[in-house]
Amino acid sequence: MPDYTPYQRKIIDRYYKNFDAIQFQRLSELATELYLAEGKKLERLWAQTGELLRKLEIPETQVAAILAKRDPTALVSIMKSLENKG
């Protein structure tokens, strides 16, 4: 493991301390972009959404269902459940 300065170590620690909040924020941004996107960008955004849901440890069955529907409102319902859990 590389040696980090105390300043760098604090930055890294804060990132991992707030990892869930950072990922939740990214998920909300993706939901907004999904409503507005079209064409190839829409496909790319759904792929990113799937990856992010897996990082947030959403059960694979739910991830597969959301990606199959490709409905941003289903994504919003997942976000609400995450928000209530946290």
PDB file of N, CA and C in Angstrom:
ATOM      1  N   MET A   1       0.849  -1.179   0.000  1.00  0.00           N
ATOM      2  CA  MET A   1       0.000   0.000   0.000  1.00  0.00           C
ATOM      3  C   MET A   1       0.890   1.236   0.000  1.00  0.00           C
ATOM      4  N   PRO A   2       0.602   2.164  -0.878  1.00  0.00           N
ATOM      5  CA  PRO A   2       1.440   3.363  -0.937  1.00  0.00           C
ATOM      6  C   PRO A   2       1.285   4.213   0.320  1.00  0.00           C
ATOM      7  N   ASP A   3       2.318   4.979   0.575  1.00  0.00           N
ATOM      8  CA  ASP A   3       2.268   5.899   1.714  1.00  0.00           C
ATOM      9  C   ASP A   3       1.556   7.167   1.290  1.00  0.00           C
ATOM     10  N   TYR A   4       0.592   7.549   2.086  1.00  0.00           N
ATOM     11  CA  TYR A   4      -0.148   8.782   1.822  1.00  0.00           C
ATOM     12  C   TYR A   4       0.174   9.788   2.906  1.00  0.00           C
ATOM     13  N   THR A   5       0.106  11.047   2.543  1.00  0.00           N
ATOM     14  CA  THR A   5       0.292  12.096   3.534  1.00  0.00           C
ATOM     15  C   THR A   5      -0.947  12.110   4.432  1.00  0.00           C
ATOM     16  N   PRO A   6      -0.836  12.677   5.612  1.00  0.00           N
ATOM     17  CA  PRO A   6      -2.017  12.754   6.478  1.00  0.00           C
ATOM     18  C   PRO A   6      -3.196  13.463   5.799  1.00  0.00           C
ATOM     19  N   TYR A   7      -2.910  14.478   5.010  1.00  0.00           N
ATOM     20  CA  TYR A   7      -3.961  15.196   4.287  1.00  0.00           C
ATOM     21  C   TYR A   7      -4.662  14.268   3.289  1.00  0.00           C
ATOM     22  N   GLN A   8      -3.874  13.508   2.521  1.00  0.00           N
ATOM     23  CA  GLN A   8      -4.450  12.581   1.554  1.00  0.00           C
ATOM     24  C   GLN A   8      -5.259  11.497   2.252  1.00  0.00           C
ATOM     25  N   ARG A   9      -4.766  11.006   3.379  1.00  0.00           N
ATOM     26  CA  ARG A   9      -5.448   9.967   4.142  1.00  0.00           C
ATOM     27  C   ARG A   9      -6.811  10.468   4.612  1.00  0.00           C
ATOM     28  N   LYS A  10      -6.892  11.740   5.045  1.00  0.00           N
ATOM     29  CA  LYS A  10      -8.169  12.311   5.492  1.00  0.00           C
ATOM     30  C   LYS A  10      -9.160  12.377   4.338  1.00  0.00           C
ATOM     31  N   ILE A  11      -8.679  12.767   3.163  1.00  0.00           N
ATOM     32  CA  ILE A  11      -9.546  12.846   1.985  1.00  0.00           C
ATOM     33  C   ILE A  11     -10.089  11.462   1.641  1.00  0.00           C
ATOM     34  N   ILE A  12      -9.225  10.476   1.638  1.00  0.00           N
ATOM     35  CA  ILE A  12      -9.634   9.104   1.331  1.00  0.00           C
ATOM     36  C   ILE A  12     -10.636   8.600   2.369  1.00  0.00           C
ATOM     37  N   ASP A  13     -10.363   8.847   3.641  1.00  0.00           N
ATOM     38  CA  ASP A  13     -11.269   8.414   4.705  1.00  0.00           C
ATOM     39  C   ASP A  13     -12.641   9.061   4.585  1.00  0.00           C
ATOM     40  N   ARG A  14     -12.664  10.358   4.280  1.00  0.00           N
ATOM     41  CA  ARG A  14     -13.955  11.050   4.121  1.00  0.00           C
ATOM     42  C   ARG A  14     -14.729  10.502   2.934  1.00  0.00           C
ATOM     43  N   TYR A  15     -14.025  10.175   1.860  1.00  0.00           N
ATOM     44  CA  TYR A  15     -14.693   9.614   0.684  1.00  0.00           C
ATOM     45  C   TYR A  15     -15.401   8.320   1.059  1.00  0.00           C
ATOM     46  N   TYR A  16     -14.691   7.414   1.727  1.00  0.00           N
ATOM     47  CA  TYR A  16     -15.297   6.136   2.074  1.00  0.00           C
ATOM     48  C   TYR A  16     -16.347   6.270   3.172  1.00  0.00           C
ATOM     49  N   LYS A  17     -16.201   7.247   4.025  1.00  0.00           N
ATOM     50  CA  LYS A  17     -17.212   7.494   5.055  1.00  0.00           C
ATOM     51  C   LYS A  17     -18.524   7.939   4.410  1.00  0.00           C
ATOM     52  N   ASN A  18     -18.432   8.710   3.335  1.00  0.00           N
ATOM     53  CA  ASN A  18     -19.607   9.254   2.658  1.00  0.00           C
ATOM     54  C   ASN A  18     -19.932   8.532   1.351  1.00  0.00           C
ATOM     55  N   PHE A  19     -19.403   7.345   1.168  1.00  0.00           N
ATOM     56  CA  PHE A  19     -19.560   6.617  -0.089  1.00  0.00           C
ATOM     57  C   PHE A  19     -21.027   6.431  -0.464  1.00  0.00           C
ATOM     58  N   ASP A  20     -21.863   5.994   0.487  1.00  0.00           N
ATOM     59  CA  ASP A  20     -23.270   5.766   0.185  1.00  0.00           C
ATOM     60  C   ASP A  20     -23.971   7.052  -0.234  1.00  0.00           C
ATOM     61  N   ALA A  21     -23.687   8.143   0.457  1.00  0.00           N
ATOM     62  CA  ALA A  21     -24.312   9.424   0.113  1.00  0.00           C
ATOM     63  C   ALA A  21     -23.865   9.889  -1.268  1.00  0.00           C
ATOM     64  N   ILE A  22     -22.603   9.685  -1.592  1.00  0.00           N
ATOM     65  CA  ILE A  22     -22.081  10.072  -2.901  1.00  0.00           C
ATOM     66  C   ILE A  22     -22.766   9.256  -4.001  1.00  0.00           C
ATOM     67  N   GLN A  23     -22.897   7.945  -3.774  1.00  0.00           N
ATOM     68  CA  GLN A  23     -23.525   7.082  -4.772  1.00  0.00           C
ATOM     69  C   GLN A  23     -25.014   7.393  -4.909  1.00  0.00           C
ATOM     70  N   PHE A  24     -25.685   7.705  -3.797  1.00  0.00           N
ATOM     71  CA  PHE A  24     -27.094   8.076  -3.846  1.00  0.00           C
ATOM     72  C   PHE A  24     -27.275   9.350  -4.661  1.00  0.00           C
ATOM     73  N   GLN A  25     -26.389  10.309  -4.460  1.00  0.00           N
ATOM     74  CA  GLN A  25     -26.452  11.554  -5.231  1.00  0.00           C
ATOM     75  C   GLN A  25     -26.271  11.270  -6.715  1.00  0.00           C
ATOM     76  N   ARG A  26     -25.335  10.409  -7.051  1.00  0.00           N
ATOM     77  CA  ARG A  26     -25.095  10.054  -8.453  1.00  0.00           C
ATOM     78  C   ARG A  26     -26.317   9.360  -9.045  1.00  0.00           C
ATOM     79  N   LEU A  27     -26.968   8.501  -8.246  1.00  0.00           N
ATOM     80  CA  LEU A  27     -28.161   7.810  -8.711  1.00  0.00           C
ATOM     81  C   LEU A  27     -29.288   8.803  -8.997  1.00  0.00           C
ATOM     82  N   SER A  28     -29.435   9.797  -8.154  1.00  0.00           N
ATOM     83  CA  SER A  28     -30.481  10.800  -8.396  1.00  0.00           C
ATOM     84  C   SER A  28     -30.175  11.612  -9.651  1.00  0.00           C
ATOM     85  N   GLU A  29     -28.900  11.897  -9.890  1.00  0.00           N
ATOM     86  CA  GLU A  29     -28.517  12.602 -11.121  1.00  0.00           C
ATOM     87  C   GLU A  29     -28.804  11.750 -12.354  1.00  0.00           C
ATOM     88  N   LEU A  30     -28.526  10.445 -12.245  1.00  0.00           N
ATOM     89  CA  LEU A  30     -28.806   9.549 -13.367  1.00  0.00           C
ATOM     90  C   LEU A  30     -30.302   9.466 -13.649  1.00  0.00           C
ATOM     91  N   ALA A  31     -31.111   9.442 -12.598  1.00  0.00           N
ATOM     92  CA  ALA A  31     -32.564   9.379 -12.786  1.00  0.00           C
ATOM     93  C   ALA A  31     -33.043  10.594 -13.565  1.00  0.00           C
ATOM     94  N   THR A  32     -32.527  11.754 -13.222  1.00  0.00           N
ATOM     95  CA  THR A  32     -32.899  12.979 -13.933  1.00  0.00           C
ATOM     96  C   THR A  32     -32.461  12.907 -15.388  1.00  0.00           C
ATOM     97  N   GLU A  33     -31.236  12.454 -15.617  1.00  0.00           N
ATOM     98  CA  GLU A  33     -30.729  12.368 -16.982  1.00  0.00           C
ATOM     99  C   GLU A  33     -31.512  11.354 -17.821  1.00  0.00           C
ATOM    100  N   LEU A  34     -31.981  10.278 -17.170  1.00  0.00           N
ATOM    101  CA  LEU A  34     -32.737   9.254 -17.899  1.00  0.00           C
ATOM    102  C   LEU A  34     -34.051   9.815 -18.443  1.00  0.00           C
ATOM    103  N   TYR A  35     -34.675  10.700 -17.696  1.00  0.00           N
ATOM    104  CA  TYR A  35     -35.917  11.305 -18.169  1.00  0.00           C
ATOM    105  C   TYR A  35     -35.686  12.142 -19.428  1.00  0.00           C
ATOM    106  N   LEU A  36     -34.505  12.709 -19.565  1.00  0.00           N
ATOM    107  CA  LEU A  36     -34.242  13.662 -20.647  1.00  0.00           C
ATOM    108  C   LEU A  36     -33.489  13.070 -21.834  1.00  0.00           C
ATOM    109  N   ALA A  37     -32.831  11.939 -21.630  1.00  0.00           N
ATOM    110  CA  ALA A  37     -31.937  11.392 -22.655  1.00  0.00           C
ATOM    111  C   ALA A  37     -32.697  10.657 -23.754  1.00  0.00           C
ATOM    112  N   GLU A  38     -32.030  10.539 -24.889  1.00  0.00           N
ATOM    113  CA  GLU A  38     -32.564   9.803 -26.036  1.00  0.00           C
ATOM    114  C   GLU A  38     -31.427   9.057 -26.717  1.00  0.00           C
ATOM    115  N   GLY A  39     -31.765   8.029 -27.471  1.00  0.00           N
ATOM    116  CA  GLY A  39     -30.816   7.321 -28.328  1.00  0.00           C
ATOM    117  C   GLY A  39     -29.704   6.606 -27.587  1.00  0.00           C
ATOM    118  N   LYS A  40     -28.491   6.743 -28.122  1.00  0.00           N
ATOM    119  CA  LYS A  40     -27.336   6.033 -27.567  1.00  0.00           C
ATOM    120  C   LYS A  40     -27.010   6.485 -26.149  1.00  0.00           C
ATOM    121  N   LYS A  41     -27.234   7.752 -25.881  1.00  0.00           N
ATOM    122  CA  LYS A  41     -26.962   8.250 -24.531  1.00  0.00           C
ATOM    123  C   LYS A  41     -27.859   7.554 -23.520  1.00  0.00           C
ATOM    124  N   LEU A  42     -29.097   7.292 -23.897  1.00  0.00           N
ATOM    125  CA  LEU A  42     -30.032   6.609 -23.009  1.00  0.00           C
ATOM    126  C   LEU A  42     -29.527   5.205 -22.675  1.00  0.00           C
ATOM    127  N   GLU A  43     -29.026   4.494 -23.668  1.00  0.00           N
ATOM    128  CA  GLU A  43     -28.476   3.150 -23.446  1.00  0.00           C
ATOM    129  C   GLU A  43     -27.286   3.199 -22.492  1.00  0.00           C
ATOM    130  N   ARG A  44     -26.415   4.167 -22.705  1.00  0.00           N
ATOM    131  CA  ARG A  44     -25.234   4.309 -21.846  1.00  0.00           C
ATOM    132  C   ARG A  44     -25.635   4.626 -20.410  1.00  0.00           C
ATOM    133  N   LEU A  45     -26.631   5.477 -20.247  1.00  0.00           N
ATOM    134  CA  LEU A  45     -27.087   5.844 -18.902  1.00  0.00           C
ATOM    135  C   LEU A  45     -27.707   4.660 -18.173  1.00  0.00           C
ATOM    136  N   TRP A  46     -28.459   3.829 -18.898  1.00  0.00           N
ATOM    137  CA  TRP A  46     -29.023   2.648 -18.252  1.00  0.00           C
ATOM    138  C   TRP A  46     -27.926   1.672 -17.825  1.00  0.00           C
ATOM    139  N   ALA A  47     -26.882   1.550 -18.616  1.00  0.00           N
ATOM    140  CA  ALA A  47     -25.755   0.692 -18.234  1.00  0.00           C
ATOM    141  C   ALA A  47     -25.089   1.228 -16.967  1.00  0.00           C
ATOM    142  N   GLN A  48     -24.894   2.540 -16.904  1.00  0.00           N
ATOM    143  CA  GLN A  48     -24.308   3.157 -15.705  1.00  0.00           C
ATOM    144  C   GLN A  48     -25.217   2.962 -14.500  1.00  0.00           C
ATOM    145  N   THR A  49     -26.520   3.044 -14.714  1.00  0.00           N
ATOM    146  CA  THR A  49     -27.479   2.857 -13.625  1.00  0.00           C
ATOM    147  C   THR A  49     -27.375   1.446 -13.063  1.00  0.00           C
ATOM    148  N   GLY A  50     -27.268   0.464 -13.940  1.00  0.00           N
ATOM    149  CA  GLY A  50     -27.120  -0.919 -13.486  1.00  0.00           C
ATOM    150  C   GLY A  50     -25.875  -1.114 -12.639  1.00  0.00           C
ATOM    151  N   GLU A  51     -24.765  -0.549 -13.094  1.00  0.00           N
ATOM    152  CA  GLU A  51     -23.514  -0.648 -12.336  1.00  0.00           C
ATOM    153  C   GLU A  51     -23.643   0.009 -10.970  1.00  0.00           C
ATOM    154  N   LEU A  52     -24.267   1.178 -10.946  1.00  0.00           N
ATOM    155  CA  LEU A  52     -24.411   1.918  -9.697  1.00  0.00           C
ATOM    156  C   LEU A  52     -25.327   1.194  -8.720  1.00  0.00           C
ATOM    157  N   LEU A  53     -26.400   0.609  -9.214  1.00  0.00           N
ATOM    158  CA  LEU A  53     -27.307  -0.144  -8.338  1.00  0.00           C
ATOM    159  C   LEU A  53     -26.589  -1.341  -7.723  1.00  0.00           C
ATOM    160  N   ARG A  54     -25.720  -1.958  -8.491  1.00  0.00           N
ATOM    161  CA  ARG A  54     -24.946  -3.089  -7.952  1.00  0.00           C
ATOM    162  C   ARG A  54     -23.958  -2.613  -6.886  1.00  0.00           C
ATOM    163  N   LYS A  55     -23.360  -1.440  -7.085  1.00  0.00           N
ATOM    164  CA  LYS A  55     -22.449  -0.877  -6.080  1.00  0.00           C
ATOM    165  C   LYS A  55     -23.184  -0.578  -4.779  1.00  0.00           C
ATOM    166  N   LEU A  56     -24.456  -0.182  -4.919  1.00  0.00           N
ATOM    167  CA  LEU A  56     -25.265   0.120  -3.737  1.00  0.00           C
ATOM    168  C   LEU A  56     -25.845  -1.149  -3.111  1.00  0.00           C
ATOM    169  N   GLU A  57     -25.476  -2.303  -3.666  1.00  0.00           N
ATOM    170  CA  GLU A  57     -25.861  -3.613  -3.159  1.00  0.00           C
ATOM    171  C   GLU A  57     -27.371  -3.833  -3.191  1.00  0.00           C
ATOM    172  N   ILE A  58     -28.003  -3.351  -4.254  1.00  0.00           N
ATOM    173  CA  ILE A  58     -29.406  -3.641  -4.505  1.00  0.00           C
ATOM    174  C   ILE A  58     -29.470  -5.084  -5.004  1.00  0.00           C
ATOM    175  N   PRO A  59     -30.433  -5.880  -4.537  1.00  0.00           N
ATOM    176  CA  PRO A  59     -30.513  -7.276  -4.994  1.00  0.00           C
ATOM    177  C   PRO A  59     -30.569  -7.375  -6.521  1.00  0.00           C
ATOM    178  N   GLU A  60     -29.881  -8.356  -7.045  1.00  0.00           N
ATOM    179  CA  GLU A  60     -29.749  -8.512  -8.495  1.00  0.00           C
ATOM    180  C   GLU A  60     -31.105  -8.681  -9.172  1.00  0.00           C
ATOM    181  N   THR A  61     -32.066  -9.293  -8.487  1.00  0.00           N
ATOM    182  CA  THR A  61     -33.393  -9.446  -9.086  1.00  0.00           C
ATOM    183  C   THR A  61     -34.052  -8.087  -9.317  1.00  0.00           C
ATOM    184  N   GLN A  62     -33.885  -7.169  -8.356  1.00  0.00           N
ATOM    185  CA  GLN A  62     -34.441  -5.825  -8.514  1.00  0.00           C
ATOM    186  C   GLN A  62     -33.719  -5.063  -9.617  1.00  0.00           C
ATOM    187  N   VAL A  63     -32.412  -5.211  -9.665  1.00  0.00           N
ATOM    188  CA  VAL A  63     -31.625  -4.536 -10.698  1.00  0.00           C
ATOM    189  C   VAL A  63     -32.075  -5.022 -12.075  1.00  0.00           C
ATOM    190  N   ALA A  64     -32.211  -6.335 -12.214  1.00  0.00           N
ATOM    191  CA  ALA A  64     -32.621  -6.898 -13.499  1.00  0.00           C
ATOM    192  C   ALA A  64     -34.017  -6.422 -13.890  1.00  0.00           C
ATOM    193  N   ALA A  65     -34.917  -6.333 -12.928  1.00  0.00           N
ATOM    194  CA  ALA A  65     -36.285  -5.887 -13.215  1.00  0.00           C
ATOM    195  C   ALA A  65     -36.303  -4.426 -13.666  1.00  0.00           C
ATOM    196  N   ILE A  66     -35.526  -3.585 -12.998  1.00  0.00           N
ATOM    197  CA  ILE A  66     -35.477  -2.168 -13.366  1.00  0.00           C
ATOM    198  C   ILE A  66     -34.870  -2.000 -14.749  1.00  0.00           C
ATOM    199  N   LEU A  67     -33.789  -2.736 -15.019  1.00  0.00           N
ATOM    200  CA  LEU A  67     -33.138  -2.618 -16.323  1.00  0.00           C
ATOM    201  C   LEU A  67     -34.006  -3.199 -17.439  1.00  0.00           C
ATOM    202  N   ALA A  68     -34.835  -4.187 -17.120  1.00  0.00           N
ATOM    203  CA  ALA A  68     -35.719  -4.757 -18.130  1.00  0.00           C
ATOM    204  C   ALA A  68     -36.850  -3.786 -18.465  1.00  0.00           C
ATOM    205  N   LYS A  69     -37.395  -3.133 -17.441  1.00  0.00           N
ATOM    206  CA  LYS A  69     -38.484  -2.166 -17.671  1.00  0.00           C
ATOM    207  C   LYS A  69     -37.979  -0.887 -18.316  1.00  0.00           C
ATOM    208  N   ARG A  70     -36.781  -0.480 -17.907  1.00  0.00           N
ATOM    209  CA  ARG A  70     -36.204   0.804 -18.344  1.00  0.00           C
ATOM    210  C   ARG A  70     -37.170   1.951 -18.079  1.00  0.00           C
ATOM    211  N   ASP A  71     -37.695   1.925 -16.864  1.00  0.00           N
ATOM    212  CA  ASP A  71     -38.653   2.936 -16.434  1.00  0.00           C
ATOM    213  C   ASP A  71     -38.024   3.775 -15.325  1.00  0.00           C
ATOM    214  N   PRO A  72     -37.763   5.050 -15.569  1.00  0.00           N
ATOM    215  CA  PRO A  72     -37.142   5.894 -14.544  1.00  0.00           C
ATOM    216  C   PRO A  72     -37.965   5.995 -13.260  1.00  0.00           C
ATOM    217  N   THR A  73     -39.271   5.823 -13.341  1.00  0.00           N
ATOM    218  CA  THR A  73     -40.084   5.894 -12.120  1.00  0.00           C
ATOM    219  C   THR A  73     -39.789   4.724 -11.199  1.00  0.00           C
ATOM    220  N   ALA A  74     -39.444   3.568 -11.754  1.00  0.00           N
ATOM    221  CA  ALA A  74     -39.048   2.430 -10.921  1.00  0.00           C
ATOM    222  C   ALA A  74     -37.735   2.743 -10.199  1.00  0.00           C
ATOM    223  N   LEU A  75     -36.865   3.448 -10.866  1.00  0.00           N
ATOM    224  CA  LEU A  75     -35.601   3.865 -10.262  1.00  0.00           C
ATOM    225  C   LEU A  75     -35.851   4.830  -9.109  1.00  0.00           C
ATOM    226  N   VAL A  76     -36.799   5.723  -9.292  1.00  0.00           N
ATOM    227  CA  VAL A  76     -37.140   6.677  -8.238  1.00  0.00           C
ATOM    228  C   VAL A  76     -37.702   5.953  -7.021  1.00  0.00           C
ATOM    229  N   SER A  77     -38.493   4.908  -7.229  1.00  0.00           N
ATOM    230  CA  SER A  77     -39.029   4.157  -6.090  1.00  0.00           C
ATOM    231  C   SER A  77     -37.914   3.463  -5.313  1.00  0.00           C
ATOM    232  N   ILE A  78     -36.893   2.974  -6.008  1.00  0.00           N
ATOM    233  CA  ILE A  78     -35.729   2.380  -5.334  1.00  0.00           C
ATOM    234  C   ILE A  78     -35.018   3.448  -4.513  1.00  0.00           C
ATOM    235  N   MET A  79     -34.894   4.635  -5.081  1.00  0.00           N
ATOM    236  CA  MET A  79     -34.228   5.731  -4.354  1.00  0.00           C
ATOM    237  C   MET A  79     -34.995   6.087  -3.094  1.00  0.00           C
ATOM    238  N   LYS A  80     -36.314   6.101  -3.158  1.00  0.00           N
ATOM    239  CA  LYS A  80     -37.117   6.400  -1.978  1.00  0.00           C
ATOM    240  C   LYS A  80     -36.921   5.352  -0.899  1.00  0.00           C
ATOM    241  N   SER A  81     -36.848   4.085  -1.298  1.00  0.00           N
ATOM    242  CA  SER A  81     -36.630   3.024  -0.311  1.00  0.00           C
ATOM    243  C   SER A  81     -35.235   3.135   0.308  1.00  0.00           C
ATOM    244  N   LEU A  82     -34.233   3.509  -0.495  1.00  0.00           N
ATOM    245  CA  LEU A  82     -32.879   3.718   0.035  1.00  0.00           C
ATOM    246  C   LEU A  82     -32.849   4.896   0.999  1.00  0.00           C
ATOM    247  N   GLU A  83     -33.576   5.944   0.663  1.00  0.00           N
ATOM    248  CA  GLU A  83     -33.611   7.129   1.498  1.00  0.00           C
ATOM    249  C   GLU A  83     -34.267   6.828   2.848  1.00  0.00           C
ATOM    250  N   ASN A  84     -35.310   6.028   2.824  1.00  0.00           N
ATOM    251  CA  ASN A  84     -35.988   5.657   4.068  1.00  0.00           C
ATOM    252  C   ASN A  84     -35.151   4.726   4.925  1.00  0.00           C
ATOM    253  N   LYS A  85     -34.334   3.899   4.267  1.00  0.00           N
ATOM    254  CA  LYS A  85     -33.481   2.966   4.986  1.00  0.00           C
ATOM    255  C   LYS A  85     -32.323   3.690   5.669  1.00  0.00           C
ATOM    256  N   GLY A  86     -31.830   4.735   5.031  1.00  0.00           N
ATOM    257  CA  GLY A  86     -30.652   5.457   5.529  1.00  0.00           C
ATOM    258  C   GLY A  86     -31.025   6.470   6.477  1.00  0.00           C
TER     259      GLY A  86
END
